[in-house]
Protein backbone atom coordinates (compact mmCIF):
# COMPACT_ATOMS: atom_id res chain seq x y z
CA MET A 1 -9.30 -35.41 -7.60
CA SER A 2 -8.27 -32.13 -9.21
CA ASP A 3 -4.51 -32.58 -8.62
CA PHE A 4 -4.14 -28.78 -8.28
CA LYS A 5 -5.58 -28.16 -11.76
CA ASN A 6 -7.48 -25.20 -10.30
CA ILE A 7 -4.20 -23.46 -9.47
CA GLU A 8 -2.54 -24.40 -12.74
CA ASP A 9 -5.52 -23.02 -14.68
CA LEU A 10 -5.00 -19.62 -13.01
CA MET A 11 -1.30 -19.32 -13.84
CA ILE A 12 -2.05 -17.36 -17.03
CA PHE A 13 -3.25 -14.54 -14.75
CA MET A 14 -0.05 -14.52 -12.65
CA THR A 15 3.25 -12.76 -13.13
CA LYS A 16 6.16 -15.02 -14.02
CA SER A 17 7.61 -14.73 -10.50
CA PHE A 18 4.30 -15.36 -8.68
CA GLY A 19 3.51 -18.23 -11.05
CA ALA A 20 6.88 -19.84 -10.30
CA ILE A 21 6.16 -19.66 -6.56
CA GLN A 22 2.77 -21.31 -7.07
CA GLU A 23 4.25 -23.96 -9.36
CA ASN A 24 6.86 -24.85 -6.72
CA GLU A 25 4.14 -25.08 -4.05
CA VAL A 26 2.06 -27.41 -6.24
CA GLN A 27 5.09 -29.67 -6.83
CA GLU A 28 5.84 -29.78 -3.09
CA GLN A 29 2.23 -30.69 -2.31
CA ARG A 30 2.27 -33.45 -4.92
CA LEU A 31 5.47 -34.88 -3.43
CA ARG A 32 3.95 -34.82 0.08
CA GLN A 33 0.91 -36.71 -1.17
CA GLY A 34 3.11 -39.32 -2.83
CA GLY A 35 0.53 -40.17 -5.48
CA GLU A 36 -1.96 -41.39 -2.87
CA GLU A 37 -5.59 -40.47 -3.34
CA GLN A 38 -6.57 -37.83 -0.82
CA PRO A 39 -9.91 -37.51 0.97
CA PHE A 40 -12.29 -34.99 -0.58
CA TYR A 41 -11.51 -31.36 0.19
CA GLY A 42 -13.09 -28.38 -1.51
CA ILE A 43 -13.31 -24.69 -0.86
CA THR A 44 -15.50 -22.17 -2.64
CA THR A 45 -14.72 -18.46 -2.38
CA ARG A 46 -17.07 -15.59 -3.19
CA ALA A 47 -15.83 -12.03 -3.39
CA LEU A 48 -18.21 -9.79 -1.44
CA SER A 49 -16.52 -6.42 -2.01
CA HIS A 50 -13.13 -4.80 -2.42
CA LYS A 51 -11.27 -1.70 -1.27
CA LEU A 52 -8.55 0.08 -3.22
CA MET A 53 -5.39 0.44 -1.14
CA SER A 54 -2.93 1.99 -3.61
CA GLU A 55 -2.66 2.67 -7.31
CA THR A 56 0.06 3.80 -9.72
CA ASP A 57 0.30 3.66 -13.50
CA ASP A 58 1.74 0.13 -13.39
CA ALA A 59 0.57 -1.36 -10.07
CA ILE A 60 -2.59 -1.62 -8.01
CA THR A 61 -3.15 -3.07 -4.56
CA PHE A 62 -6.57 -3.84 -3.12
CA ARG A 63 -8.22 -5.81 -0.33
CA VAL A 64 -10.91 -8.30 -1.31
CA TYR A 65 -13.47 -9.25 1.32
CA THR A 66 -14.55 -12.86 0.75
CA ARG A 67 -16.86 -15.51 2.15
CA ARG A 68 -15.50 -19.03 1.90
CA THR A 69 -17.20 -22.41 2.30
CA GLU A 70 -14.91 -25.33 3.11
CA ARG A 71 -15.88 -28.98 2.71
CA LYS A 72 -13.87 -31.91 4.02
CA SER A 73 -14.90 -35.50 3.31
CA LEU A 74 -18.09 -36.32 5.20
CA THR A 75 -18.16 -33.34 7.57
CA ASP A 76 -20.64 -30.48 7.41
CA PRO A 77 -19.41 -27.48 5.42
CA GLU A 78 -17.92 -24.57 7.35
CA THR A 79 -18.42 -20.99 6.18
CA PHE A 80 -16.15 -18.13 7.21
CA ASP A 81 -15.09 -14.66 6.09
CA GLN A 82 -11.51 -14.08 4.98
CA ASP A 83 -9.79 -11.09 3.39
CA ILE A 84 -7.05 -11.23 0.81
CA ILE A 85 -4.72 -8.46 -0.26
CA MET A 86 -3.82 -8.63 -3.94
CA GLU A 87 -1.28 -6.72 -5.96
CA LEU A 88 -1.52 -6.56 -9.73
CA ILE A 89 1.23 -5.19 -11.94
CA ILE A 90 1.64 -4.73 -15.65
CA GLU A 91 3.79 -7.47 -17.15
CA ASP A 92 4.27 -7.71 -20.89
CA GLY A 93 1.48 -5.15 -21.39
CA THR A 94 -1.11 -7.08 -19.35
CA TRP A 95 -2.31 -6.74 -15.74
CA LYS A 96 -1.19 -9.82 -13.80
CA VAL A 97 -1.45 -10.93 -10.15
CA ASN A 98 1.92 -10.42 -8.48
CA THR A 99 1.00 -11.25 -4.87
CA ALA A 100 -2.03 -12.60 -3.07
């Protein structure tokens, strides 16, 4: 069980405000689970391409086209396409994810 370690590991790439939102979501999910072991769930995402939507000196927004494979316990994996719009801004001199 990863216990949301995957999200926590990515927080260094997030703005302070976006990281706080993700941290709150992780805490809420942990409370909902109540410490009980959950059935296996995994999702793998591959970026296929991207498209620039807007760009300034301190912000960039782009759409990422992805293919995702989802696995739940003993079921066959499901593969589907899903887009994500991401905004990066400069925070403390470094590009960070501000929304996704």
